[in-house]
Amino acid sequence: MKIEALMVANSVKLDGWLLDVDVEGGGWEYYTCPGFPCDVRGAFAGIIILDDAELGLDHQLHFKIETADDGDIGFLADNTYHRGRGGPAASGVSSRMAFSVPFNFRILAPPYNESGSNERRR
């Protein structure tokens, strides 16, 4: 199993296991809170490539969101996906499976530097 594509978006909707992925606001690189406390909502969206031997098996993806300094935000998701044996679309083409994982967490206050001053961390 290999993740071929992964992005963060405002929302994601899958049409069953088809690769008809409806992504809104995709391609986040960062998030700016307008004020605190701040609720952050979004979704991970991606496509997994499976080898023929992996078809018909359960696959687990683990997602954890942390701050840049390894602080725990409290979001952890363990998802199990199953892709039945359908075979590749054409000879030599790997099977693919789309996935989405919604997330929601709250940031209570802005991060401060380690010295304890009120200067915002850059």
Protein backbone atom coordinates (compact mmCIF):
# COMPACT_ATOMS: atom_id res chain seq x y z
CA MET A 1 0.00 0.00 0.00
CA LYS A 2 1.29 3.44 -0.92
CA ILE A 3 -0.35 6.84 -0.61
CA GLU A 4 -0.25 8.33 -4.10
CA ALA A 5 -1.86 11.69 -3.26
CA LEU A 6 -2.69 13.48 -0.01
CA MET A 7 -4.13 16.93 0.63
CA VAL A 8 -5.87 18.93 3.33
CA ALA A 9 -9.17 20.56 2.37
CA ASN A 10 -12.16 22.37 3.82
CA SER A 11 -14.37 19.38 3.05
CA VAL A 12 -14.30 16.14 1.06
CA LYS A 13 -17.06 13.90 -0.26
CA LEU A 14 -16.51 10.47 -1.80
CA ASP A 15 -18.92 8.68 -4.09
CA GLY A 16 -18.60 5.21 -2.63
CA TRP A 17 -15.16 3.81 -3.44
CA LEU A 18 -15.05 5.52 -6.81
CA LEU A 19 -12.39 8.10 -7.48
CA ASP A 20 -15.11 10.72 -7.87
CA VAL A 21 -13.77 12.91 -5.07
CA ASP A 22 -15.48 16.24 -4.41
CA VAL A 23 -12.89 18.46 -2.70
CA GLU A 24 -13.67 22.01 -1.57
CA GLY A 25 -10.92 24.43 -0.56
CA GLY A 26 -8.12 21.90 -1.11
CA GLY A 27 -4.39 22.45 -0.84
CA TRP A 28 -3.93 24.02 2.60
CA GLU A 29 -0.35 24.82 3.53
CA TYR A 30 -1.16 26.57 6.78
CA TYR A 31 -4.13 27.82 8.80
CA THR A 32 -4.49 31.24 10.43
CA CYS A 33 -6.84 31.57 13.38
CA PRO A 34 -8.93 34.77 13.28
CA GLY A 35 -9.15 34.82 17.08
CA PHE A 36 -9.01 32.54 20.12
CA PRO A 37 -10.35 30.09 20.98
CA CYS A 38 -10.28 28.86 17.38
CA ASP A 39 -12.06 25.82 15.94
CA VAL A 40 -10.19 24.23 13.04
CA ARG A 41 -12.24 21.98 10.75
CA GLY A 42 -11.23 20.22 7.57
CA ALA A 43 -10.49 16.86 6.02
CA PHE A 44 -7.62 14.81 4.71
CA ALA A 45 -8.25 13.47 1.21
CA GLY A 46 -6.12 11.09 -0.76
CA ILE A 47 -5.66 8.14 -3.05
CA ILE A 48 -4.00 4.86 -2.09
CA ILE A 49 -2.35 2.47 -4.56
CA LEU A 50 -2.83 -1.22 -3.76
CA ASP A 51 -0.92 -4.19 -5.16
CA ASP A 52 -2.97 -7.15 -6.38
CA ALA A 53 -1.98 -9.12 -3.24
CA GLU A 54 -3.48 -6.35 -1.06
CA LEU A 55 -6.95 -6.51 -2.64
CA GLY A 56 -9.60 -8.07 -0.40
CA LEU A 57 -7.69 -7.17 2.78
CA ASP A 58 -8.32 -4.53 5.46
CA HIS A 59 -5.95 -1.55 5.46
CA GLN A 60 -5.42 0.85 8.35
CA LEU A 61 -4.45 4.50 8.11
CA HIS A 62 -3.43 6.43 11.23
CA PHE A 63 -3.65 10.24 11.34
CA LYS A 64 -2.35 12.45 14.14
CA ILE A 65 -2.23 16.24 14.08
CA GLU A 66 0.53 17.90 16.11
CA THR A 67 1.88 21.41 16.40
CA ALA A 68 5.19 22.37 14.75
CA ASP A 69 6.96 21.86 18.11
CA ASP A 70 5.45 18.34 18.53
CA GLY A 71 2.70 19.54 20.84
CA ASP A 72 -0.35 17.28 20.96
CA ILE A 73 -3.50 18.94 19.64
CA GLY A 74 -5.62 15.94 20.54
CA PHE A 75 -6.63 14.75 17.07
CA LEU A 76 -5.96 11.09 16.38
CA ALA A 77 -7.84 8.94 13.87
CA ASP A 78 -7.41 5.26 13.10
CA ASN A 79 -9.41 4.26 10.04
CA THR A 80 -9.83 0.85 8.46
CA TYR A 81 -10.54 0.59 4.74
CA HIS A 82 -11.40 -2.46 2.67
CA ARG A 83 -11.00 -2.78 -1.07
CA GLY A 84 -12.52 -5.89 -2.61
CA ARG A 85 -10.97 -7.84 -5.43
CA GLY A 86 -12.04 -6.02 -8.56
CA GLY A 87 -8.83 -6.29 -10.46
CA PRO A 88 -7.05 -3.53 -12.31
CA ALA A 89 -8.83 -1.49 -14.96
CA ALA A 90 -6.21 -2.55 -17.52
CA SER A 91 -3.14 -4.75 -17.58
CA GLY A 92 -0.31 -3.14 -15.64
CA VAL A 93 -2.55 -0.54 -13.95
CA SER A 94 -2.56 -0.60 -10.14
CA SER A 95 -5.82 -0.55 -8.18
CA ARG A 96 -6.56 2.71 -6.43
CA MET A 97 -8.78 3.60 -3.49
CA ALA A 98 -9.87 7.09 -2.45
CA PHE A 99 -10.18 8.02 1.22
CA SER A 100 -11.22 10.97 3.35
CA VAL A 101 -10.82 11.68 7.06
CA PRO A 102 -12.63 14.69 8.56
CA PHE A 103 -11.00 16.48 11.50
CA ASN A 104 -12.01 19.04 14.07
CA PHE A 105 -10.00 20.44 16.96
CA ARG A 106 -9.87 23.60 19.08
CA ILE A 107 -6.90 25.88 19.73
CA LEU A 108 -7.50 27.71 23.00
CA ALA A 109 -4.69 30.28 22.84
CA PRO A 110 -1.84 31.32 20.54
CA PRO A 111 1.53 29.65 21.08
CA TYR A 112 4.10 31.66 23.02
CA ASN A 113 7.86 31.32 23.02
CA GLU A 114 9.65 29.17 25.60
CA SER A 115 10.85 32.18 27.63
CA GLY A 116 7.28 32.74 28.79
CA SER A 117 6.97 36.24 27.35
CA ASN A 118 3.86 37.31 25.50
CA GLU A 119 5.78 37.66 22.24
CA ARG A 120 4.13 35.46 19.65
CA ARG A 121 6.15 32.60 18.23
CA ARG A 122 7.01 33.14 14.56
